[in-house]
Amino acid sequence: MATESTPENAFDGERGDALEDVSFLARSANRVRILAAVTDAAASRRTLADDTGVSRTTLDRIVNEFEDRGWVHRRDDGTYAATATGAGLVDAFEPALDAAVALRRLGDAVDWLPRDEHPIDLAHFRDAHVREPEGGDPVETGRYFADLAREADELRVMSEWAPPESLARPMRDEVVAGDLDATFVVTGDIAEQVFAAPERAARWREMLSTNATSWVVDGSIPCNLYVFDDRVLLKRSGPDAVSESYGVPIETTNPRVHEWALELFESYREDATAVDPDALAG
């Protein structure tokens, strides 16, 4: 009678064999490169050597190993293509590899991503980076955001802290001039803090009366989010995150992350209350 796996035998049998397959593939970047290449398109050994940069001797050995494992087969025209097994292994392996790359690039910053609430595969963050301010100056990030605001056509912000003056003023100028379409989702605490200050309230009234909208959420937000056109920047949230958030964002232009960020933004905007610019008068 079959029994459930236990920690002692969890990798016995088929799981152990599968683990050996993954280990065999992962031990060589050339193996991954060649199997991915024949998954994309059938090719001769000469073409594979030219396209992958792998020496012919090494490539011949790897292709032979793949044939023995049933991952690659030789077609009647002499080219080589991945079998369904080989292609399936690549399809499963590459996202796991990309996720591992993302984890190395992000480090502890991966905790800033609200993946439990709004899931996304870490593989999409493989090209992301944690943008440390130049010279360790947290004000530099505000200037960087201001430059992005000047260059962008569209801005989406979900935040639990007020922007520094180095960002607030150029953002206002771009919005009022009609050069930036901006939508803000902020927490109630920040709305009270910002809208109660006469100078800031006047600035927001100008923006909301021209080319911006603002919404207030009842409660907390899972992260601080900024979308400048196709560029996404994320910062951690929470009571101890304000000083850190001025200086250290995760940054990426990955299309799937962009789509995910806008979905997350909209999910909070839909449940938020719109700010009436007339309510800020005086």
C-alpha atoms as a PDB file:
ATOM      1  CA  MET A   1       0.000   0.000   0.000  1.00  0.00           C
ATOM      2  CA  ALA A   2       1.301   3.458  -0.933  1.00  0.00           C
ATOM      3  CA  THR A   3       2.316   5.727   1.897  1.00  0.00           C
ATOM      4  CA  GLU A   4       2.766   9.471   2.085  1.00  0.00           C
ATOM      5  CA  SER A   5       6.276  10.817   1.615  1.00  0.00           C
ATOM      6  CA  THR A   6       8.209  11.686   4.725  1.00  0.00           C
ATOM      7  CA  PRO A   7      11.236  13.994   5.063  1.00  0.00           C
ATOM      8  CA  GLU A   8      13.460  10.924   4.993  1.00  0.00           C
ATOM      9  CA  ASN A   9      12.168   9.549   1.692  1.00  0.00           C
ATOM     10  CA  ALA A  10      10.759  12.676   0.018  1.00  0.00           C
ATOM     11  CA  PHE A  11      13.487  12.654  -2.638  1.00  0.00           C
ATOM     12  CA  ASP A  12      13.566   8.933  -3.214  1.00  0.00           C
ATOM     13  CA  GLY A  13      12.254   7.365  -6.398  1.00  0.00           C
ATOM     14  CA  GLU A  14      10.901   9.589  -9.161  1.00  0.00           C
ATOM     15  CA  ARG A  15      11.567  12.843  -7.309  1.00  0.00           C
ATOM     16  CA  GLY A  16      15.172  11.823  -6.844  1.00  0.00           C
ATOM     17  CA  ASP A  17      15.499  10.972 -10.537  1.00  0.00           C
ATOM     18  CA  ALA A  18      13.918  14.300 -11.474  1.00  0.00           C
ATOM     19  CA  LEU A  19      16.276  16.117  -9.127  1.00  0.00           C
ATOM     20  CA  GLU A  20      19.208  14.435 -10.868  1.00  0.00           C
ATOM     21  CA  ASP A  21      17.882  15.667 -14.249  1.00  0.00           C
ATOM     22  CA  VAL A  22      17.678  19.230 -12.956  1.00  0.00           C
ATOM     23  CA  SER A  23      21.111  18.946 -11.371  1.00  0.00           C
ATOM     24  CA  PHE A  24      22.613  17.593 -14.592  1.00  0.00           C
ATOM     25  CA  LEU A  25      21.202  20.501 -16.599  1.00  0.00           C
ATOM     26  CA  ALA A  26      22.060  23.157 -14.014  1.00  0.00           C
ATOM     27  CA  ARG A  27      25.693  22.119 -13.618  1.00  0.00           C
ATOM     28  CA  SER A  28      26.592  23.604 -17.008  1.00  0.00           C
ATOM     29  CA  ALA A  29      25.584  26.952 -18.500  1.00  0.00           C
ATOM     30  CA  ASN A  30      26.421  25.459 -21.900  1.00  0.00           C
ATOM     31  CA  ARG A  31      23.849  22.706 -21.399  1.00  0.00           C
ATOM     32  CA  VAL A  32      21.165  25.259 -20.554  1.00  0.00           C
ATOM     33  CA  ARG A  33      22.172  27.426 -23.510  1.00  0.00           C
ATOM     34  CA  ILE A  34      22.111  24.569 -26.021  1.00  0.00           C
ATOM     35  CA  LEU A  35      18.867  22.996 -24.810  1.00  0.00           C
ATOM     36  CA  ALA A  36      17.173  26.399 -24.888  1.00  0.00           C
ATOM     37  CA  ALA A  37      18.471  26.975 -28.423  1.00  0.00           C
ATOM     38  CA  VAL A  38      17.094  23.711 -29.836  1.00  0.00           C
ATOM     39  CA  THR A  39      13.824  24.380 -28.004  1.00  0.00           C
ATOM     40  CA  ASP A  40      13.499  27.689 -29.840  1.00  0.00           C
ATOM     41  CA  ALA A  41      14.344  26.267 -33.280  1.00  0.00           C
ATOM     42  CA  ALA A  42      15.865  23.198 -34.871  1.00  0.00           C
ATOM     43  CA  ALA A  43      19.458  23.715 -35.957  1.00  0.00           C
ATOM     44  CA  SER A  44      22.510  21.849 -37.212  1.00  0.00           C
ATOM     45  CA  ARG A  45      25.440  21.289 -34.890  1.00  0.00           C
ATOM     46  CA  ARG A  46      27.470  23.844 -36.813  1.00  0.00           C
ATOM     47  CA  THR A  47      24.723  26.458 -36.463  1.00  0.00           C
ATOM     48  CA  LEU A  48      24.323  25.683 -32.777  1.00  0.00           C
ATOM     49  CA  ALA A  49      28.049  26.168 -32.229  1.00  0.00           C
ATOM     50  CA  ASP A  50      27.964  29.509 -34.060  1.00  0.00           C
ATOM     51  CA  ASP A  51      24.805  30.756 -32.301  1.00  0.00           C
ATOM     52  CA  THR A  52      25.710  29.704 -28.765  1.00  0.00           C
ATOM     53  CA  GLY A  53      29.458  30.300 -28.842  1.00  0.00           C
ATOM     54  CA  VAL A  54      30.087  26.808 -27.490  1.00  0.00           C
ATOM     55  CA  SER A  55      33.077  25.009 -28.944  1.00  0.00           C
ATOM     56  CA  ARG A  56      32.255  22.242 -31.400  1.00  0.00           C
ATOM     57  CA  THR A  57      33.877  19.572 -29.223  1.00  0.00           C
ATOM     58  CA  THR A  58      31.854  20.585 -26.166  1.00  0.00           C
ATOM     59  CA  LEU A  59      28.672  20.975 -28.192  1.00  0.00           C
ATOM     60  CA  ASP A  60      28.986  17.505 -29.753  1.00  0.00           C
ATOM     61  CA  ARG A  61      29.402  15.955 -26.302  1.00  0.00           C
ATOM     62  CA  ILE A  62      26.399  17.802 -24.881  1.00  0.00           C
ATOM     63  CA  VAL A  63      24.125  17.019 -27.844  1.00  0.00           C
ATOM     64  CA  ASN A  64      25.069  13.345 -27.532  1.00  0.00           C
ATOM     65  CA  GLU A  65      24.238  13.439 -23.820  1.00  0.00           C
ATOM     66  CA  PHE A  66      20.897  15.058 -24.574  1.00  0.00           C
ATOM     67  CA  GLU A  67      20.112  12.378 -27.184  1.00  0.00           C
ATOM     68  CA  ASP A  68      20.897   9.662 -24.639  1.00  0.00           C
ATOM     69  CA  ARG A  69      18.516  11.284 -22.151  1.00  0.00           C
ATOM     70  CA  GLY A  70      15.760  11.701 -24.727  1.00  0.00           C
ATOM     71  CA  TRP A  71      15.842  15.503 -24.542  1.00  0.00           C
ATOM     72  CA  VAL A  72      16.993  16.081 -28.144  1.00  0.00           C
ATOM     73  CA  HIS A  73      16.469  14.157 -31.366  1.00  0.00           C
ATOM     74  CA  ARG A  74      18.036  14.320 -34.811  1.00  0.00           C
ATOM     75  CA  ARG A  75      15.573  15.109 -37.575  1.00  0.00           C
ATOM     76  CA  ASP A  76      15.606  13.698 -41.081  1.00  0.00           C
ATOM     77  CA  ASP A  77      17.191  16.895 -42.452  1.00  0.00           C
ATOM     78  CA  GLY A  78      20.153  16.510 -40.081  1.00  0.00           C
ATOM     79  CA  THR A  79      19.148  19.281 -37.703  1.00  0.00           C
ATOM     80  CA  TYR A  80      18.536  18.812 -33.993  1.00  0.00           C
ATOM     81  CA  ALA A  81      15.407  19.774 -32.061  1.00  0.00           C
ATOM     82  CA  ALA A  82      14.241  19.415 -28.485  1.00  0.00           C
ATOM     83  CA  THR A  83      11.846  16.609 -27.732  1.00  0.00           C
ATOM     84  CA  ALA A  84       8.679  17.344 -25.765  1.00  0.00           C
ATOM     85  CA  THR A  85      10.564  16.259 -22.638  1.00  0.00           C
ATOM     86  CA  GLY A  86      13.535  18.518 -23.366  1.00  0.00           C
ATOM     87  CA  ALA A  87      11.339  21.501 -24.200  1.00  0.00           C
ATOM     88  CA  GLY A  88       9.243  20.947 -21.100  1.00  0.00           C
ATOM     89  CA  LEU A  89      12.333  20.819 -18.920  1.00  0.00           C
ATOM     90  CA  VAL A  90      13.591  24.125 -20.337  1.00  0.00           C
ATOM     91  CA  ASP A  91      10.170  25.734 -19.879  1.00  0.00           C
ATOM     92  CA  ALA A  92      10.183  24.728 -16.213  1.00  0.00           C
ATOM     93  CA  PHE A  93      13.860  25.396 -15.536  1.00  0.00           C
ATOM     94  CA  GLU A  94      14.319  28.868 -17.004  1.00  0.00           C
ATOM     95  CA  PRO A  95      11.694  30.618 -14.812  1.00  0.00           C
ATOM     96  CA  ALA A  96      13.229  28.993 -11.737  1.00  0.00           C
ATOM     97  CA  LEU A  97      16.653  30.216 -12.834  1.00  0.00           C
ATOM     98  CA  ASP A  98      15.310  33.720 -13.472  1.00  0.00           C
ATOM     99  CA  ALA A  99      13.681  33.712 -10.026  1.00  0.00           C
ATOM    100  CA  ALA A 100      17.012  32.759  -8.473  1.00  0.00           C
ATOM    101  CA  VAL A 101      18.662  35.642 -10.341  1.00  0.00           C
ATOM    102  CA  ALA A 102      15.978  38.006  -9.020  1.00  0.00           C
ATOM    103  CA  LEU A 103      16.531  36.818  -5.461  1.00  0.00           C
ATOM    104  CA  ARG A 104      20.254  37.481  -5.748  1.00  0.00           C
ATOM    105  CA  ARG A 105      19.659  40.951  -7.204  1.00  0.00           C
ATOM    106  CA  LEU A 106      16.990  42.008  -4.706  1.00  0.00           C
ATOM    107  CA  GLY A 107      18.234  40.332  -1.533  1.00  0.00           C
ATOM    108  CA  ASP A 108      16.121  41.250   1.494  1.00  0.00           C
ATOM    109  CA  ALA A 109      14.259  43.827  -0.624  1.00  0.00           C
ATOM    110  CA  VAL A 110      12.190  40.942  -2.017  1.00  0.00           C
ATOM    111  CA  ASP A 111      10.132  41.302   1.185  1.00  0.00           C
ATOM    112  CA  TRP A 112       8.880  44.664  -0.107  1.00  0.00           C
ATOM    113  CA  LEU A 113       6.880  42.937  -2.853  1.00  0.00           C
ATOM    114  CA  PRO A 114       3.255  42.216  -1.834  1.00  0.00           C
ATOM    115  CA  ARG A 115       3.222  38.848  -3.573  1.00  0.00           C
ATOM    116  CA  ASP A 116       0.904  37.200  -1.043  1.00  0.00           C
ATOM    117  CA  GLU A 117      -1.766  39.796  -1.688  1.00  0.00           C
ATOM    118  CA  HIS A 118      -1.084  40.283  -5.395  1.00  0.00           C
ATOM    119  CA  PRO A 119       0.920  37.323  -6.758  1.00  0.00           C
ATOM    120  CA  ILE A 120       3.611  37.641  -9.394  1.00  0.00           C
ATOM    121  CA  ASP A 121       6.378  35.254 -10.412  1.00  0.00           C
ATOM    122  CA  LEU A 122       9.748  36.438  -9.123  1.00  0.00           C
ATOM    123  CA  ALA A 123      11.233  35.516 -12.501  1.00  0.00           C
ATOM    124  CA  HIS A 124       9.847  38.793 -13.862  1.00  0.00           C
ATOM    125  CA  PHE A 125      12.171  40.695 -11.527  1.00  0.00           C
ATOM    126  CA  ARG A 126      15.309  39.117 -13.014  1.00  0.00           C
ATOM    127  CA  ASP A 127      16.397  42.473 -14.491  1.00  0.00           C
ATOM    128  CA  ALA A 128      15.310  44.581 -11.509  1.00  0.00           C
ATOM    129  CA  HIS A 129      17.769  46.247  -9.177  1.00  0.00           C
ATOM    130  CA  VAL A 130      17.748  47.981  -5.831  1.00  0.00           C
ATOM    131  CA  ARG A 131      18.703  51.540  -6.642  1.00  0.00           C
ATOM    132  CA  GLU A 132      21.044  52.817  -3.974  1.00  0.00           C
ATOM    133  CA  PRO A 133      21.452  56.639  -3.964  1.00  0.00           C
ATOM    134  CA  GLU A 134      24.719  57.981  -5.325  1.00  0.00           C
ATOM    135  CA  GLY A 135      27.158  58.674  -2.539  1.00  0.00           C
ATOM    136  CA  GLY A 136      24.660  57.360   0.004  1.00  0.00           C
ATOM    137  CA  ASP A 137      22.695  60.638  -0.209  1.00  0.00           C
ATOM    138  CA  PRO A 138      18.944  59.936   0.250  1.00  0.00           C
ATOM    139  CA  VAL A 139      18.062  63.334  -1.265  1.00  0.00           C
ATOM    140  CA  GLU A 140      19.538  62.126  -4.552  1.00  0.00           C
ATOM    141  CA  THR A 141      16.616  59.736  -4.982  1.00  0.00           C
ATOM    142  CA  GLY A 142      14.180  62.646  -4.724  1.00  0.00           C
ATOM    143  CA  ARG A 143      16.092  64.415  -7.481  1.00  0.00           C
ATOM    144  CA  TYR A 144      16.051  61.245  -9.574  1.00  0.00           C
ATOM    145  CA  PHE A 145      12.281  60.957  -9.157  1.00  0.00           C
ATOM    146  CA  ALA A 146      11.945  64.625 -10.140  1.00  0.00           C
ATOM    147  CA  ASP A 147      13.894  63.961 -13.343  1.00  0.00           C
ATOM    148  CA  LEU A 148      11.601  61.026 -14.119  1.00  0.00           C
ATOM    149  CA  ALA A 149       8.544  63.233 -13.539  1.00  0.00           C
ATOM    150  CA  ARG A 150       9.890  65.825 -15.970  1.00  0.00           C
ATOM    151  CA  GLU A 151      10.465  63.190 -18.652  1.00  0.00           C
ATOM    152  CA  ALA A 152       7.276  61.141 -18.161  1.00  0.00           C
ATOM    153  CA  ASP A 153       3.883  61.579 -19.784  1.00  0.00           C
ATOM    154  CA  GLU A 154       2.002  59.507 -17.219  1.00  0.00           C
ATOM    155  CA  LEU A 155       2.501  58.998 -13.502  1.00  0.00           C
ATOM    156  CA  ARG A 156       0.763  56.652 -11.064  1.00  0.00           C
ATOM    157  CA  VAL A 157       1.624  56.891  -7.368  1.00  0.00           C
ATOM    158  CA  MET A 158       0.447  54.853  -4.388  1.00  0.00           C
ATOM    159  CA  SER A 159       2.131  56.169  -1.278  1.00  0.00           C
ATOM    160  CA  GLU A 160       1.993  56.467   2.484  1.00  0.00           C
ATOM    161  CA  TRP A 161       4.412  59.390   2.755  1.00  0.00           C
ATOM    162  CA  ALA A 162       4.498  62.949   1.455  1.00  0.00           C
ATOM    163  CA  PRO A 163       6.904  63.640  -1.409  1.00  0.00           C
ATOM    164  CA  PRO A 164       9.950  65.785  -0.583  1.00  0.00           C
ATOM    165  CA  GLU A 165      10.018  69.321  -1.965  1.00  0.00           C
ATOM    166  CA  SER A 166      12.621  68.287  -4.534  1.00  0.00           C
ATOM    167  CA  LEU A 167       9.924  66.099  -6.113  1.00  0.00           C
ATOM    168  CA  ALA A 168       6.699  67.903  -5.157  1.00  0.00           C
ATOM    169  CA  ARG A 169       7.510  71.186  -6.903  1.00  0.00           C
ATOM    170  CA  PRO A 170       8.601  69.848 -10.331  1.00  0.00           C
ATOM    171  CA  MET A 171       5.740  67.334 -10.226  1.00  0.00           C
ATOM    172  CA  ARG A 172       3.284  70.207  -9.693  1.00  0.00           C
ATOM    173  CA  ASP A 173       4.883  72.223 -12.514  1.00  0.00           C
ATOM    174  CA  GLU A 174       4.618  69.337 -14.990  1.00  0.00           C
ATOM    175  CA  VAL A 175       0.999  68.585 -14.075  1.00  0.00           C
ATOM    176  CA  VAL A 176      -0.200  72.195 -14.209  1.00  0.00           C
ATOM    177  CA  ALA A 177       1.589  72.725 -17.520  1.00  0.00           C
ATOM    178  CA  GLY A 178      -0.329  69.774 -18.956  1.00  0.00           C
ATOM    179  CA  ASP A 179       2.830  67.745 -19.569  1.00  0.00           C
ATOM    180  CA  LEU A 180       2.113  65.061 -16.962  1.00  0.00           C
ATOM    181  CA  ASP A 181      -1.058  63.044 -16.400  1.00  0.00           C
ATOM    182  CA  ALA A 182      -0.929  62.036 -12.727  1.00  0.00           C
ATOM    183  CA  THR A 183      -3.069  59.852 -10.481  1.00  0.00           C
ATOM    184  CA  PHE A 184      -2.349  59.522  -6.773  1.00  0.00           C
ATOM    185  CA  VAL A 185      -3.580  57.030  -4.193  1.00  0.00           C
ATOM    186  CA  VAL A 186      -2.569  58.014  -0.668  1.00  0.00           C
ATOM    187  CA  THR A 187      -3.360  56.875   2.849  1.00  0.00           C
ATOM    188  CA  GLY A 188      -5.679  58.853   5.099  1.00  0.00           C
ATOM    189  CA  ASP A 189      -2.884  59.835   7.466  1.00  0.00           C
ATOM    190  CA  ILE A 190      -0.851  61.368   4.657  1.00  0.00           C
ATOM    191  CA  ALA A 191      -3.908  63.109   3.193  1.00  0.00           C
ATOM    192  CA  GLU A 192      -4.561  64.809   6.537  1.00  0.00           C
ATOM    193  CA  GLN A 193      -0.915  65.796   6.885  1.00  0.00           C
ATOM    194  CA  VAL A 194      -0.534  67.144   3.348  1.00  0.00           C
ATOM    195  CA  PHE A 195      -3.913  68.785   2.847  1.00  0.00           C
ATOM    196  CA  ALA A 196      -3.768  70.524   6.230  1.00  0.00           C
ATOM    197  CA  ALA A 197      -0.614  72.444   5.269  1.00  0.00           C
ATOM    198  CA  PRO A 198      -1.693  75.616   3.397  1.00  0.00           C
ATOM    199  CA  GLU A 199       1.188  75.680   0.905  1.00  0.00           C
ATOM    200  CA  ARG A 200       0.882  71.991   0.119  1.00  0.00           C
ATOM    201  CA  ALA A 201      -2.898  72.153  -0.072  1.00  0.00           C
ATOM    202  CA  ALA A 202      -2.676  74.987  -2.582  1.00  0.00           C
ATOM    203  CA  ARG A 203      -0.252  72.975  -4.673  1.00  0.00           C
ATOM    204  CA  TRP A 204      -2.539  69.965  -4.660  1.00  0.00           C
ATOM    205  CA  ARG A 205      -5.567  72.119  -5.487  1.00  0.00           C
ATOM    206  CA  GLU A 206      -3.733  73.386  -8.579  1.00  0.00           C
ATOM    207  CA  MET A 207      -2.880  69.869  -9.701  1.00  0.00           C
ATOM    208  CA  LEU A 208      -6.337  68.434  -9.044  1.00  0.00           C
ATOM    209  CA  SER A 209      -7.914  71.312 -10.921  1.00  0.00           C
ATOM    210  CA  THR A 210      -5.809  70.696 -14.003  1.00  0.00           C
ATOM    211  CA  ASN A 211      -4.340  67.331 -14.956  1.00  0.00           C
ATOM    212  CA  ALA A 212      -4.324  65.128 -11.850  1.00  0.00           C
ATOM    213  CA  THR A 213      -6.660  63.129  -9.624  1.00  0.00           C
ATOM    214  CA  SER A 214      -6.102  61.941  -6.072  1.00  0.00           C
ATOM    215  CA  TRP A 215      -7.732  59.219  -4.044  1.00  0.00           C
ATOM    216  CA  VAL A 216      -7.597  58.396  -0.346  1.00  0.00           C
ATOM    217  CA  VAL A 217      -7.616  54.805   0.898  1.00  0.00           C
ATOM    218  CA  ASP A 218      -9.110  53.819   4.215  1.00  0.00           C
ATOM    219  CA  GLY A 219      -6.306  51.869   5.875  1.00  0.00           C
ATOM    220  CA  SER A 220      -2.803  50.881   4.880  1.00  0.00           C
ATOM    221  CA  ILE A 221      -1.174  50.035   1.556  1.00  0.00           C
ATOM    222  CA  PRO A 222       1.126  47.052   0.910  1.00  0.00           C
ATOM    223  CA  CYS A 223       3.983  49.033  -0.647  1.00  0.00           C
ATOM    224  CA  ASN A 224       4.915  52.453  -1.975  1.00  0.00           C
ATOM    225  CA  LEU A 225       4.518  52.314  -5.740  1.00  0.00           C
ATOM    226  CA  TYR A 226       5.520  54.708  -8.516  1.00  0.00           C
ATOM    227  CA  VAL A 227       4.921  54.117 -12.213  1.00  0.00           C
ATOM    228  CA  PHE A 228       6.572  56.634 -14.553  1.00  0.00           C
ATOM    229  CA  ASP A 229       5.356  55.605 -18.019  1.00  0.00           C
ATOM    230  CA  ASP A 230       6.890  52.096 -18.391  1.00  0.00           C
ATOM    231  CA  ARG A 231       9.232  52.370 -15.398  1.00  0.00           C
ATOM    232  CA  VAL A 232       8.186  50.868 -12.055  1.00  0.00           C
ATOM    233  CA  LEU A 233       9.715  51.787  -8.706  1.00  0.00           C
ATOM    234  CA  LEU A 234       8.711  50.061  -5.473  1.00  0.00           C
ATOM    235  CA  LYS A 235       9.579  50.918  -1.908  1.00  0.00           C
ATOM    236  CA  ARG A 236       8.817  49.158   1.300  1.00  0.00           C
ATOM    237  CA  SER A 237       5.820  50.150   3.410  1.00  0.00           C
ATOM    238  CA  GLY A 238       5.236  50.204   7.142  1.00  0.00           C
ATOM    239  CA  PRO A 239       5.794  52.504  10.100  1.00  0.00           C
ATOM    240  CA  ASP A 240       9.593  52.327   9.921  1.00  0.00           C
ATOM    241  CA  ALA A 241       9.940  52.640   6.166  1.00  0.00           C
ATOM    242  CA  VAL A 242       9.685  56.378   5.554  1.00  0.00           C
ATOM    243  CA  SER A 243      13.345  57.369   5.947  1.00  0.00           C
ATOM    244  CA  GLU A 244      14.491  54.284   4.048  1.00  0.00           C
ATOM    245  CA  SER A 245      11.942  54.782   1.291  1.00  0.00           C
ATOM    246  CA  TYR A 246      13.449  58.149   0.345  1.00  0.00           C
ATOM    247  CA  GLY A 247      16.673  56.459  -0.643  1.00  0.00           C
ATOM    248  CA  VAL A 248      16.173  52.864  -1.757  1.00  0.00           C
ATOM    249  CA  PRO A 249      13.646  51.756  -4.388  1.00  0.00           C
ATOM    250  CA  ILE A 250      13.417  48.592  -6.450  1.00  0.00           C
ATOM    251  CA  GLU A 251      13.455  49.659 -10.103  1.00  0.00           C
ATOM    252  CA  THR A 252      12.489  47.753 -13.246  1.00  0.00           C
ATOM    253  CA  THR A 253      11.066  48.224 -16.741  1.00  0.00           C
ATOM    254  CA  ASN A 254       9.889  44.614 -17.116  1.00  0.00           C
ATOM    255  CA  PRO A 255       6.532  44.626 -19.002  1.00  0.00           C
ATOM    256  CA  ARG A 256       4.914  42.002 -16.760  1.00  0.00           C
ATOM    257  CA  VAL A 257       5.940  43.871 -13.606  1.00  0.00           C
ATOM    258  CA  HIS A 258       4.500  47.045 -15.163  1.00  0.00           C
ATOM    259  CA  GLU A 259       1.210  45.260 -15.814  1.00  0.00           C
ATOM    260  CA  TRP A 260       1.206  43.822 -12.285  1.00  0.00           C
ATOM    261  CA  ALA A 261       1.953  47.245 -10.748  1.00  0.00           C
ATOM    262  CA  LEU A 262      -0.950  48.895 -12.564  1.00  0.00           C
ATOM    263  CA  GLU A 263      -3.289  46.073 -11.506  1.00  0.00           C
ATOM    264  CA  LEU A 264      -2.196  46.538  -7.891  1.00  0.00           C
ATOM    265  CA  PHE A 265      -2.622  50.304  -8.157  1.00  0.00           C
ATOM    266  CA  GLU A 266      -6.114  50.007  -9.634  1.00  0.00           C
ATOM    267  CA  SER A 267      -7.221  47.513  -7.000  1.00  0.00           C
ATOM    268  CA  TYR A 268      -6.622  50.172  -4.331  1.00  0.00           C
ATOM    269  CA  ARG A 269      -7.876  53.118  -6.358  1.00  0.00           C
ATOM    270  CA  GLU A 270     -11.204  51.372  -6.988  1.00  0.00           C
ATOM    271  CA  ASP A 271     -11.879  51.174  -3.231  1.00  0.00           C
ATOM    272  CA  ALA A 272     -10.596  54.683  -2.469  1.00  0.00           C
ATOM    273  CA  THR A 273     -12.416  58.011  -2.130  1.00  0.00           C
ATOM    274  CA  ALA A 274     -11.762  60.749  -4.671  1.00  0.00           C
ATOM    275  CA  VAL A 275     -10.406  64.074  -3.374  1.00  0.00           C
ATOM    276  CA  ASP A 276     -12.491  67.127  -4.339  1.00  0.00           C
ATOM    277  CA  PRO A 277     -10.152  70.035  -5.164  1.00  0.00           C
ATOM    278  CA  ASP A 278     -12.797  72.502  -3.977  1.00  0.00           C
ATOM    279  CA  ALA A 279     -12.569  70.919  -0.534  1.00  0.00           C
ATOM    280  CA  LEU A 280      -8.954  72.120  -0.357  1.00  0.00           C
ATOM    281  CA  ALA A 281      -9.866  75.781  -0.884  1.00  0.00           C
ATOM    282  CA  GLY A 282      -8.663  77.989   1.930  1.00  0.00           C
END
